[in-house]
């Protein structure tokens, strides 16, 4: 699996953003720092990644995003 992208601003490793009402598993993954919950309102051009310094961005590789989310939620 490819690794999460680095923040284009500060270089820290990205954490995938999840929108919508979180499940118990998603809340556990967020508490562990594996995903970041961004609420139920999804913007027209939603960001996909964030970093520890709260920068947000979109990346070109949706497969990396989905694989990272699946791993965080332990969906194989």
Protein backbone atom coordinates (compact mmCIF):
# COMPACT_ATOMS: atom_id res chain seq x y z
CA UNK A 1 0.00 0.00 0.00
CA UNK A 2 1.23 3.51 -0.80
CA UNK A 3 1.77 5.82 2.11
CA UNK A 4 -0.28 8.91 2.88
CA UNK A 5 0.89 12.06 1.11
CA UNK A 6 2.88 14.74 2.88
CA UNK A 7 1.35 18.12 3.57
CA UNK A 8 2.29 20.52 0.76
CA UNK A 9 2.68 23.35 3.31
CA UNK A 10 4.62 21.83 6.23
CA UNK A 11 5.68 18.36 5.05
CA UNK A 12 3.97 16.40 7.81
CA UNK A 13 2.26 13.12 6.95
CA UNK A 14 -1.35 13.46 5.87
CA UNK A 15 -4.34 12.02 7.69
CA UNK A 16 -7.48 11.26 5.66
CA UNK A 17 -10.56 13.41 6.25
CA UNK A 18 -13.92 11.70 6.79
CA UNK A 19 -17.17 13.59 6.25
CA UNK A 20 -20.59 12.52 7.45
CA UNK A 21 -22.02 11.00 10.61
CA UNK A 22 -19.22 8.81 12.00
CA UNK A 23 -19.69 5.21 12.99
CA UNK A 24 -18.25 3.86 16.24
CA UNK A 25 -15.29 2.48 14.28
CA UNK A 26 -14.67 5.88 12.66
CA UNK A 27 -14.78 7.58 16.08
CA UNK A 28 -12.23 5.07 17.40
CA UNK A 29 -9.96 5.65 14.38
CA UNK A 30 -10.24 9.42 14.90
CA UNK A 31 -9.38 9.07 18.59
CA UNK A 32 -6.28 7.09 17.54
CA UNK A 33 -5.30 9.84 15.04
CA UNK A 34 -5.78 7.61 11.99
CA UNK A 35 -8.52 9.78 10.43
CA UNK A 36 -9.92 13.24 11.10
CA UNK A 37 -13.67 13.82 11.32
CA UNK A 38 -14.89 16.97 9.54
CA UNK A 39 -18.66 16.84 10.15
CA UNK A 40 -21.72 16.28 8.02
CA UNK A 41 -21.57 19.31 5.73
CA UNK A 42 -19.51 18.38 2.68
CA UNK A 43 -18.25 21.34 0.64
CA UNK A 44 -18.53 21.35 -3.16
CA UNK A 45 -14.77 20.72 -3.48
CA UNK A 46 -13.97 18.85 -0.25
CA UNK A 47 -10.43 18.51 0.96
CA UNK A 48 -9.27 14.90 1.38
CA UNK A 49 -6.27 15.21 3.70
CA UNK A 50 -5.18 17.17 6.75
CA UNK A 51 -2.05 17.30 8.90
CA UNK A 52 -1.27 17.87 12.58
CA UNK A 53 -1.00 21.62 11.88
CA UNK A 54 -4.55 21.65 10.42
CA UNK A 55 -3.54 22.36 6.80
CA UNK A 56 -5.95 20.71 4.37
CA UNK A 57 -5.57 19.71 0.72
CA UNK A 58 -6.71 17.45 -2.10
CA UNK A 59 -4.43 14.83 -3.62
CA UNK A 60 -4.54 13.26 -7.07
CA UNK A 61 -4.52 9.60 -6.02
CA UNK A 62 -7.93 8.47 -4.78
CA UNK A 63 -6.67 4.88 -4.46
CA UNK A 64 -4.19 5.96 -1.76
CA UNK A 65 -6.96 7.84 0.04
CA UNK A 66 -9.32 4.85 -0.04
CA UNK A 67 -6.61 2.39 1.00
CA UNK A 68 -5.60 4.62 3.91
CA UNK A 69 -9.20 4.97 5.08
CA UNK A 70 -9.79 1.21 4.73
CA UNK A 71 -6.67 0.49 6.80
CA UNK A 72 -7.69 3.04 9.46
CA UNK A 73 -11.16 1.50 9.70
CA UNK A 74 -9.71 -2.00 9.42
CA UNK A 75 -11.71 -2.80 6.29
CA UNK A 76 -9.65 -5.16 4.14
